[in-house]
Every structure is written in C-alpha cells, then in structure tokens.
C-alpha cells in the first residue's frame, strides 16, 4: 500500500501532463453552448504508438439542488487486453448560502489487489464578505497506514480591495511541523493595480523561511497587462536572489494575443539567463516560444494547434526548433448535443524528427440545461 501511494502521484502527474499539453478548442459544455448550467458526459481514449498503455477516461458533470458534481474515471489497459479501473476523482461543489461555496474533491486509486482506495481529499471553503473581500480556506488530507485521514497541508487566502484600483491577495501555506502542529512554510502577496480600462500592473512576492525561521524573499514576479479590446500583451519579469543575496533578473516572458478574421493567435516568448550549454553571464536569451492558433470552420468544427519551439542543448547557438506539436479538432456529432474531438501530439525523437506520441479521441454528450437551485442546501 505504501509503495502504491508513493507511485500514484507520479503517475497521476504524468497523466495530467499528457491531458493538458494543448489548450483544447473545446473541452466543456460551456464552450459549446455558452451555458455552464447544464449536465454533460464525455469519454476520451488515448492511444499511444504501437498500442502501448492506452487509457480511457470517462467524465460526467451534473447540477441539481444547489450541488454540482463532477466525476472522472480513468482506466488503463490490463495485461489481459481489457481496460481496468485505475484512478477516480470525485468533486462536489455545494452552495451553502449566498456568500459561501464549499468544494470537496476525493481521489481514489487501486491497491495491489485492485481494490478502490482513497488516496487524497481536498476541501475548500470560499466566503464572500462585504466590501468585495474573499476568504478561501483549503486543506489537503492523505490517509495514514490505518486509513485514517491526516491533514498534510493547509492554505489560507485573503483577497481584498485595498484601494479603488488596487486588489491584494495574501496566501499562507502551512505544513506539519516537528512539534506535531502546523507552521507557515510559504507566504505570497500579489497586488494588481488597474492603470486603465483594460490595463493593469501586477507584482507577486514569495517568501520562504530560512534555517532560523526568518522570512526571506525567494522570488519576485512583476509585470504589466495591456489590452486595447482587440490585442492583449502581457509582460512578466522574474527576479530571484543571487549568491550575494541581491535580486537579479532570471527570466522574462512576453505573451501576445490577437484575433483577426475569426482566427485567434497567442505567442508566448520566454527569455532566460540559464540555458543549457551556455555560460551564465546574466544576459537574457530567447529560450522557448509557444504558439497557439485557434480557428472555427463554417461547418462548426473548431481547430487548435499548439507548437513549442526550444533551443537545442547540444547546439545552443542555433535557432529555435520545434520540439512538440499538438493538434486538436472538435467536430459536431450526429446530434446537436454531441461533439467528437481528436487530439494528436507529436514530439521530437532522438533522430530530430517529430513523431506521434499519442492520439486522443473524445466524445461528449451535452444534455439539456438543468435549472440550478441556488438556495442553501438542506
């Protein structure tokens, strides 16, 4: 059991990474209809080259009586060639009252004998207070050797309007301490200042305790967002303490979004001072470019392509090369409430060629909208 609990988060992270490689052209009923208050179901099958380790994912979303329930079940191919249960995630959101929303997410895996086993529970309570303040309390619990839940992490977040154009969010992460209680292990403060109708400046600082328990600034992120209603540009700078303790610029990201003739395009350029094979001299160099293009065809099909370009560590002086490509196509199904989606991912192999890594197929059925009762749950 212990080895399973250690291995599952690693496998789960790999699976989530493969699922989230591309920003899908359409992934939910909200995108397909513009109405989030409805129930839907979807099935996705991931096929790897050579028919190795395929997975199948089933999802359902239901809303009724002030509750929203999302279920996700992942199956993997067994030795006998049949799909077997692997991972289940159950998420329930309850509107307690007009100002409070409570969410509980439970993750289940399988032990060595195939029995369904609780792996993790995450609980969150979000409260809206007068004046626009929002408080969020989040706890993560894991079962111990006897199956009893033990809290392993707590997070407290407070967002408030400290000025007409300034919003500040403070977060504190608490983890188990040596004395058996909980101690703050990380603090973040993020401030957003609105400088125009669509423009803002942001600044986020992250502090970690040193060996003596004193808070030290470990990272500072700051930048601007400019939006003229058609094009949007975001610039972010990342600063971290150097060996002398002073902050120095280590990364810069420039993101540009535009829409023209029904085509949406986003380009994210990342500049870094730390490139493989290049001596660190404090200079920023373009290290990665991510380009995403989305467009819609006349028959209702939606296309999305994501391309990642990076430097070759063996030849860092060369231009960027494409290391990964993902293509996502969503087409209307046989009935108005269904869609069919295909996502293929190609990655650079050892010979420098783009080869198919996985192919996912997804079928989604959007049922008629269900009226949601926003009254407090009884």
Protein backbone atom coordinates (compact mmCIF):
# COMPACT_ATOMS: atom_id res chain seq x y z
CA UNK A 1 0.00 0.00 0.00
CA UNK A 2 2.75 2.44 0.89
CA UNK A 3 4.57 1.93 -2.40
CA UNK A 4 1.31 2.47 -4.29
CA UNK A 5 0.74 5.82 -2.56
CA UNK A 6 4.24 6.94 -3.47
CA UNK A 7 3.90 5.86 -7.11
CA UNK A 8 0.38 7.16 -7.76
CA UNK A 9 1.15 10.92 -7.55
CA UNK A 10 3.99 10.43 -10.05
CA UNK A 11 1.79 8.52 -12.49
CA UNK A 12 -1.04 10.99 -11.95
CA UNK A 13 1.27 13.89 -12.76
CA UNK A 14 2.38 12.19 -15.98
CA UNK A 15 -1.25 11.55 -16.97
CA UNK A 16 -2.36 15.11 -16.21
CA UNK A 17 0.57 16.47 -18.22
CA UNK A 18 -0.44 14.43 -21.24
CA UNK A 19 -4.03 15.60 -20.88
CA UNK A 20 -3.09 19.27 -20.58
CA UNK A 21 -0.47 19.59 -23.28
CA UNK A 22 -2.71 21.69 -25.52
CA UNK A 23 -5.38 24.28 -24.88
CA UNK A 24 -8.33 22.44 -26.46
CA UNK A 25 -10.51 24.19 -28.99
CA UNK A 26 -13.44 22.93 -26.91
CA UNK A 27 -13.38 20.94 -23.70
CA UNK A 28 -16.67 21.58 -21.94
CA UNK A 29 -20.33 22.19 -22.44
CA UNK A 30 -19.80 25.82 -21.51
CA UNK A 31 -17.62 26.29 -24.57
CA UNK A 32 -20.02 24.51 -26.88
CA UNK A 33 -23.21 26.23 -25.82
CA UNK A 34 -22.19 29.28 -23.81
CA UNK A 35 -24.25 27.98 -20.89
CA UNK A 36 -22.40 26.42 -17.95
CA UNK A 37 -25.59 25.40 -16.08
CA UNK A 38 -26.14 22.04 -17.70
CA UNK A 39 -25.18 18.40 -17.41
CA UNK A 40 -22.90 16.58 -19.79
CA UNK A 41 -20.83 13.45 -20.16
CA UNK A 42 -17.69 12.68 -22.17
CA UNK A 43 -15.41 9.76 -22.95
CA UNK A 44 -11.78 10.12 -24.01
CA UNK A 45 -9.46 7.36 -25.21
CA UNK A 46 -5.73 7.92 -25.50
CA UNK A 47 -3.92 5.71 -27.99
CA UNK A 48 -0.13 5.58 -27.85
CA UNK A 49 2.09 4.43 -30.75
CA UNK A 50 2.34 0.67 -31.01
CA UNK A 51 -0.86 0.24 -28.94
CA UNK A 52 1.16 0.61 -25.74
CA UNK A 53 -0.50 1.61 -22.47
CA UNK A 54 -3.74 3.14 -23.81
CA UNK A 55 -6.00 4.85 -21.29
CA UNK A 56 -9.70 5.65 -21.32
CA UNK A 57 -11.30 8.49 -19.36
CA UNK A 58 -15.00 8.97 -18.62
CA UNK A 59 -16.35 12.25 -17.25
CA UNK A 60 -19.76 13.37 -16.06
CA UNK A 61 -20.99 16.78 -14.91
CA UNK A 62 -24.35 17.20 -13.16
CA UNK A 63 -26.05 20.14 -11.48
CA UNK A 64 -29.12 19.96 -9.27
CA UNK A 65 -30.40 21.18 -5.90
CA UNK A 66 -27.58 23.67 -5.35
CA UNK A 67 -24.94 20.99 -5.93
CA UNK A 68 -22.50 20.49 -8.78
CA UNK A 69 -20.91 17.05 -9.08
CA UNK A 70 -18.02 16.20 -11.40
CA UNK A 71 -16.84 12.61 -11.70
CA UNK A 72 -13.80 11.45 -13.64
CA UNK A 73 -12.78 7.82 -14.04
CA UNK A 74 -9.52 6.74 -15.67
CA UNK A 75 -8.98 3.20 -16.91
CA UNK A 76 -5.71 1.68 -18.11
CA UNK A 77 -5.14 -1.37 -20.26
CA UNK A 78 -4.51 -4.52 -18.23
CA UNK A 79 -2.33 -7.49 -19.08
CA UNK A 80 -5.35 -9.35 -20.47
CA UNK A 81 -6.00 -6.61 -23.02
CA UNK A 82 -9.05 -5.21 -21.19
CA UNK A 83 -9.44 -1.82 -19.56
CA UNK A 84 -9.18 -1.84 -15.77
CA UNK A 85 -10.06 0.90 -13.24
CA UNK A 86 -7.02 2.99 -12.36
CA UNK A 87 -7.99 6.39 -10.97
CA UNK A 88 -11.23 8.09 -9.89
CA UNK A 89 -11.71 11.75 -8.99
CA UNK A 90 -14.98 12.93 -7.43
CA UNK A 91 -15.56 16.65 -6.99
CA UNK A 92 -18.65 18.09 -5.29
CA UNK A 93 -19.41 21.80 -5.04
CA UNK A 94 -22.18 22.99 -2.70
CA UNK A 95 -23.58 26.50 -2.43
CA UNK A 96 -24.01 26.68 1.34
CA UNK A 97 -25.56 30.15 1.30
CA UNK A 98 -25.50 33.32 -0.77
CA UNK A 99 -21.88 34.03 0.23
CA UNK A 100 -20.33 30.60 0.85
CA UNK A 101 -19.31 27.83 -1.54
CA UNK A 102 -17.80 24.58 -0.31
CA UNK A 103 -15.90 22.13 -2.53
CA UNK A 104 -14.71 18.62 -1.67
CA UNK A 105 -12.52 16.64 -4.05
CA UNK A 106 -11.70 12.97 -3.42
CA UNK A 107 -9.10 10.99 -5.35
CA UNK A 108 -9.22 7.19 -5.38
CA UNK A 109 -6.62 4.78 -6.71
CA UNK A 110 -6.27 0.99 -6.72
CA UNK A 111 -4.12 -1.10 -4.42
CA UNK A 112 -2.06 -4.12 -5.46
CA UNK A 113 -5.20 -6.28 -5.37
CA UNK A 114 -7.26 -3.90 -7.48
CA UNK A 115 -9.39 -2.57 -4.62
CA UNK A 116 -10.58 1.04 -4.73
CA UNK A 117 -8.56 3.04 -2.19
CA UNK A 118 -8.85 6.64 -1.04
CA UNK A 119 -5.61 8.47 -1.86
CA UNK A 120 -6.31 12.14 -1.13
CA UNK A 121 -9.04 14.57 -0.04
CA UNK A 122 -9.00 18.30 -0.74
CA UNK A 123 -11.59 20.56 0.92
CA UNK A 124 -12.11 24.22 0.12
CA UNK A 125 -14.44 26.86 1.52
CA UNK A 126 -14.80 30.20 -0.23
CA UNK A 127 -16.60 33.07 1.52
CA UNK A 128 -17.50 36.44 0.04
CA UNK A 129 -17.59 39.27 2.59
CA UNK A 130 -18.90 42.84 2.46
CA UNK A 131 -16.69 45.22 0.52
CA UNK A 132 -15.63 42.60 -2.00
CA UNK A 133 -13.31 40.67 0.31
CA UNK A 134 -13.00 36.95 -0.43
CA UNK A 135 -11.57 34.42 2.02
CA UNK A 136 -10.53 30.92 0.96
CA UNK A 137 -9.50 28.09 3.27
CA UNK A 138 -8.16 24.92 1.68
CA UNK A 139 -6.95 21.68 3.33
CA UNK A 140 -5.36 18.59 1.82
CA UNK A 141 -5.52 15.26 3.66
CA UNK A 142 -3.96 11.86 2.99
CA UNK A 143 -4.87 8.56 4.65
CA UNK A 144 -2.31 7.04 7.01
CA UNK A 145 -1.36 3.35 7.20
CA UNK A 146 -4.64 2.63 9.03
CA UNK A 147 -6.78 4.54 6.53
CA UNK A 148 -7.48 7.49 8.84
CA UNK A 149 -7.25 10.89 7.17
CA UNK A 150 -4.38 13.13 8.26
CA UNK A 151 -4.12 16.77 7.20
CA UNK A 152 -0.86 17.30 5.31
CA UNK A 153 -1.34 20.84 4.08
CA UNK A 154 -3.42 23.92 4.79
CA UNK A 155 -3.72 27.08 2.74
CA UNK A 156 -5.34 30.36 3.73
CA UNK A 157 -6.04 33.02 1.14
CA UNK A 158 -7.47 36.51 1.58
CA UNK A 159 -8.34 38.82 -1.33
CA UNK A 160 -9.46 42.38 -0.70
CA UNK A 161 -9.75 45.75 -2.39
CA UNK A 162 -7.26 47.98 -0.60
CA UNK A 163 -7.86 50.96 -2.93
CA UNK A 164 -10.34 51.78 -5.71
CA UNK A 165 -7.95 50.41 -8.36
CA UNK A 166 -5.85 48.06 -6.24
CA UNK A 167 -6.62 44.45 -5.31
CA UNK A 168 -4.36 42.45 -2.99
CA UNK A 169 -4.27 38.71 -2.35
CA UNK A 170 -2.31 37.24 0.56
CA UNK A 171 -1.76 33.49 0.85
CA UNK A 172 -0.15 31.40 3.57
CA UNK A 173 0.76 27.74 3.17
CA UNK A 174 1.02 25.67 6.36
CA UNK A 175 2.62 22.23 6.60
CA UNK A 176 3.24 19.84 9.53
CA UNK A 177 5.98 20.98 11.91
CA UNK A 178 8.35 18.98 14.09
CA UNK A 179 6.29 19.71 17.22
CA UNK A 180 3.21 17.99 15.81
CA UNK A 181 1.36 21.15 14.83
CA UNK A 182 1.38 23.26 11.68
CA UNK A 183 3.75 26.04 10.73
CA UNK A 184 3.77 28.51 7.86
CA UNK A 185 6.14 27.25 5.14
CA UNK A 186 5.42 29.80 2.42
CA UNK A 187 3.82 33.22 2.09
CA UNK A 188 2.80 35.04 -1.08
CA UNK A 189 1.46 38.54 -1.63
CA UNK A 190 0.05 39.53 -5.01
CA UNK A 191 -1.11 43.03 -5.85
CA UNK A 192 -2.92 44.07 -9.02
CA UNK A 193 -3.25 47.76 -9.85
CA UNK A 194 -5.64 48.84 -12.56
CA UNK A 195 -3.99 51.54 -14.66
CA UNK A 196 -6.67 51.86 -17.34
CA UNK A 197 -9.93 50.41 -18.53
CA UNK A 198 -8.22 47.20 -19.71
CA UNK A 199 -4.68 47.65 -18.40
CA UNK A 200 -3.09 46.67 -15.11
CA UNK A 201 0.20 46.18 -13.30
CA UNK A 202 0.90 43.17 -11.08
CA UNK A 203 3.51 42.25 -8.51
CA UNK A 204 3.78 38.93 -6.64
CA UNK A 205 6.35 38.17 -3.95
CA UNK A 206 7.08 34.73 -2.50
CA UNK A 207 8.73 34.34 0.90
CA UNK A 208 10.25 31.22 2.45
CA UNK A 209 11.61 30.75 5.99
CA UNK A 210 15.36 30.31 6.43
CA UNK A 211 17.08 27.96 8.87
CA UNK A 212 16.36 30.38 11.73
CA UNK A 213 12.69 30.78 10.84
CA UNK A 214 13.11 34.28 9.42
CA UNK A 215 11.18 35.09 6.24
CA UNK A 216 13.34 35.65 3.16
CA UNK A 217 12.23 36.81 -0.28
CA UNK A 218 12.77 33.88 -2.67
CA UNK A 219 11.08 35.20 -5.81
CA UNK A 220 9.51 38.35 -7.20
CA UNK A 221 7.25 38.40 -10.25
CA UNK A 222 6.12 41.71 -11.71
CA UNK A 223 4.76 42.94 -14.98
CA UNK A 224 2.01 44.61 -16.98
CA UNK A 225 -1.06 43.61 -18.95
CA UNK A 226 -2.20 45.85 -21.81
CA UNK A 227 -5.47 45.27 -23.66
CA UNK A 228 -6.92 47.57 -26.30
CA UNK A 229 -10.04 45.45 -26.76
CA UNK A 230 -8.59 43.55 -29.72
CA UNK A 231 -4.97 42.74 -28.91
CA UNK A 232 -3.61 41.81 -25.50
CA UNK A 233 0.03 41.89 -24.35
CA UNK A 234 1.38 40.61 -21.06
CA UNK A 235 4.97 41.08 -19.93
CA UNK A 236 6.36 39.42 -16.81
CA UNK A 237 9.77 39.61 -15.14
CA UNK A 238 11.03 37.04 -12.63
CA UNK A 239 13.70 38.06 -10.12
CA UNK A 240 15.45 35.80 -7.60
CA UNK A 241 18.23 36.38 -5.06
CA UNK A 242 21.74 35.71 -6.33
CA UNK A 243 24.71 34.39 -4.39
CA UNK A 244 25.19 37.90 -2.97
CA UNK A 245 21.59 37.98 -1.72
CA UNK A 246 20.54 40.73 -4.13
CA UNK A 247 17.66 40.27 -6.55
CA UNK A 248 18.63 39.68 -10.15
CA UNK A 249 16.55 39.17 -13.30
CA UNK A 250 16.48 35.48 -14.30
CA UNK A 251 13.52 35.26 -16.67
CA UNK A 252 11.27 37.44 -18.83
CA UNK A 253 8.07 36.35 -20.56
CA UNK A 254 6.21 38.22 -23.29
CA UNK A 255 2.74 36.99 -24.22
CA UNK A 256 0.76 38.42 -27.14
CA UNK A 257 -2.82 37.59 -28.10
CA UNK A 258 -4.65 38.78 -31.20
CA UNK A 259 -7.76 37.96 -33.19
CA UNK A 260 -8.17 38.56 -36.90
CA UNK A 261 -10.76 37.24 -39.36
CA UNK A 262 -12.01 34.63 -36.93
CA UNK A 263 -8.54 33.35 -36.05
CA UNK A 264 -7.14 33.67 -32.55
CA UNK A 265 -3.39 33.59 -32.10
CA UNK A 266 -1.27 33.59 -28.96
CA UNK A 267 2.52 33.71 -28.80
CA UNK A 268 4.49 33.32 -25.56
CA UNK A 269 8.23 34.06 -25.70
CA UNK A 270 10.35 33.10 -22.69
CA UNK A 271 13.79 34.64 -22.19
CA UNK A 272 16.13 33.13 -19.62
CA UNK A 273 19.61 33.67 -18.20
CA UNK A 274 20.06 29.92 -17.70
CA UNK A 275 20.33 28.00 -20.98
CA UNK A 276 21.82 24.50 -21.34
CA UNK A 277 25.31 24.66 -22.79
CA UNK A 278 25.59 28.44 -22.43
CA UNK A 279 27.74 30.09 -19.69
CA UNK A 280 25.63 32.13 -17.26
CA UNK A 281 26.58 35.78 -17.67
CA UNK A 282 23.32 37.45 -16.65
CA UNK A 283 22.17 38.01 -20.23
CA UNK A 284 18.62 37.14 -21.25
CA UNK A 285 18.27 34.93 -24.33
CA UNK A 286 15.18 33.63 -26.07
CA UNK A 287 14.84 30.05 -24.84
CA UNK A 288 11.30 28.99 -25.76
CA UNK A 289 8.39 30.09 -27.94
CA UNK A 290 4.88 28.67 -27.64
CA UNK A 291 2.41 29.49 -30.42
CA UNK A 292 -1.28 28.60 -30.24
CA UNK A 293 -3.67 29.18 -33.14
CA UNK A 294 -7.43 28.63 -32.92
CA UNK A 295 -9.99 28.94 -35.69
CA UNK A 296 -13.51 27.80 -36.49
CA UNK A 297 -14.70 26.34 -39.79
CA UNK A 298 -18.02 27.00 -41.48
CA UNK A 299 -19.39 23.55 -40.60
CA UNK A 300 -18.94 24.25 -36.88
CA UNK A 301 -15.66 22.37 -36.49
CA UNK A 302 -13.04 24.01 -34.27
CA UNK A 303 -9.31 23.66 -34.81
CA UNK A 304 -6.49 24.37 -32.37
CA UNK A 305 -2.77 23.93 -32.93
CA UNK A 306 -0.08 24.41 -30.31
CA UNK A 307 3.58 24.47 -31.28
CA UNK A 308 6.52 24.56 -28.85
CA UNK A 309 9.93 25.73 -30.07
CA UNK A 310 13.07 25.39 -27.96
CA UNK A 311 16.82 25.59 -28.29
CA UNK A 312 18.92 22.51 -28.94
CA UNK A 313 21.05 21.95 -25.79
CA UNK A 314 23.76 20.41 -27.97
CA UNK A 315 23.80 23.45 -30.27
CA UNK A 316 22.60 26.39 -28.14
CA UNK A 317 23.73 28.93 -30.75
CA UNK A 318 21.27 27.52 -33.33
CA UNK A 319 17.81 28.97 -33.86
CA UNK A 320 14.77 27.62 -32.05
CA UNK A 321 13.45 24.31 -33.32
CA UNK A 322 10.01 22.72 -33.00
CA UNK A 323 10.13 20.15 -30.18
CA UNK A 324 6.42 19.47 -29.72
CA UNK A 325 3.23 19.95 -31.70
CA UNK A 326 -0.36 19.28 -30.67
CA UNK A 327 -3.40 19.46 -32.94
CA UNK A 328 -6.91 19.46 -31.52
CA UNK A 329 -10.03 19.14 -33.73
CA UNK A 330 -13.60 19.29 -32.41
CA UNK A 331 -16.43 18.42 -34.78
CA UNK A 332 -20.22 18.41 -34.26
CA UNK A 333 -21.63 14.94 -33.67
CA UNK A 334 -24.60 13.20 -35.24
CA UNK A 335 -26.96 15.10 -32.92
CA UNK A 336 -26.85 18.78 -31.84
CA UNK A 337 -25.91 17.82 -28.28
CA UNK A 338 -22.85 15.73 -29.16
CA UNK A 339 -19.30 16.56 -30.24
CA UNK A 340 -16.34 14.48 -31.41
CA UNK A 341 -12.80 15.55 -30.59
CA UNK A 342 -9.44 14.24 -31.77
CA UNK A 343 -6.14 15.38 -30.27
CA UNK A 344 -2.78 14.25 -31.60
CA UNK A 345 0.58 15.04 -30.02
CA UNK A 346 3.92 14.86 -31.80
CA UNK A 347 7.27 15.18 -30.05
CA UNK A 348 10.91 15.34 -31.10
CA UNK A 349 12.60 11.94 -31.12
CA UNK A 350 16.28 11.03 -30.78
CA UNK A 351 16.77 11.44 -34.54
CA UNK A 352 15.48 15.00 -34.54
CA UNK A 353 12.15 14.14 -36.17
CA UNK A 354 8.65 14.82 -34.89
CA UNK A 355 6.96 11.52 -34.11
CA UNK A 356 3.46 10.79 -32.86
CA UNK A 357 3.40 10.44 -29.07
CA UNK A 358 -0.32 9.95 -28.52
CA UNK A 359 -3.71 10.25 -30.16
CA UNK A 360 -6.76 11.02 -28.03
CA UNK A 361 -10.37 10.66 -29.12
CA UNK A 362 -13.20 12.21 -27.15
CA UNK A 363 -16.98 12.02 -27.42
CA UNK A 364 -19.12 14.44 -25.43
CA UNK A 365 -22.88 14.48 -24.91
CA UNK A 366 -24.41 17.71 -23.62
CA UNK A 367 -27.83 17.10 -22.12
CA UNK A 368 -30.47 19.85 -21.93
CA UNK A 369 -29.80 22.57 -19.36
CA UNK A 370 -30.84 21.89 -15.78
CA UNK A 371 -32.09 24.69 -13.59
CA UNK A 372 -29.83 25.08 -10.56
CA UNK A 373 -31.40 25.80 -7.19
CA UNK A 374 -29.15 28.40 -5.53
CA UNK A 375 -30.91 28.13 -2.18
CA UNK A 376 -28.83 26.83 0.76
CA UNK A 377 -28.54 23.07 0.81
CA UNK A 378 -30.77 21.43 3.39
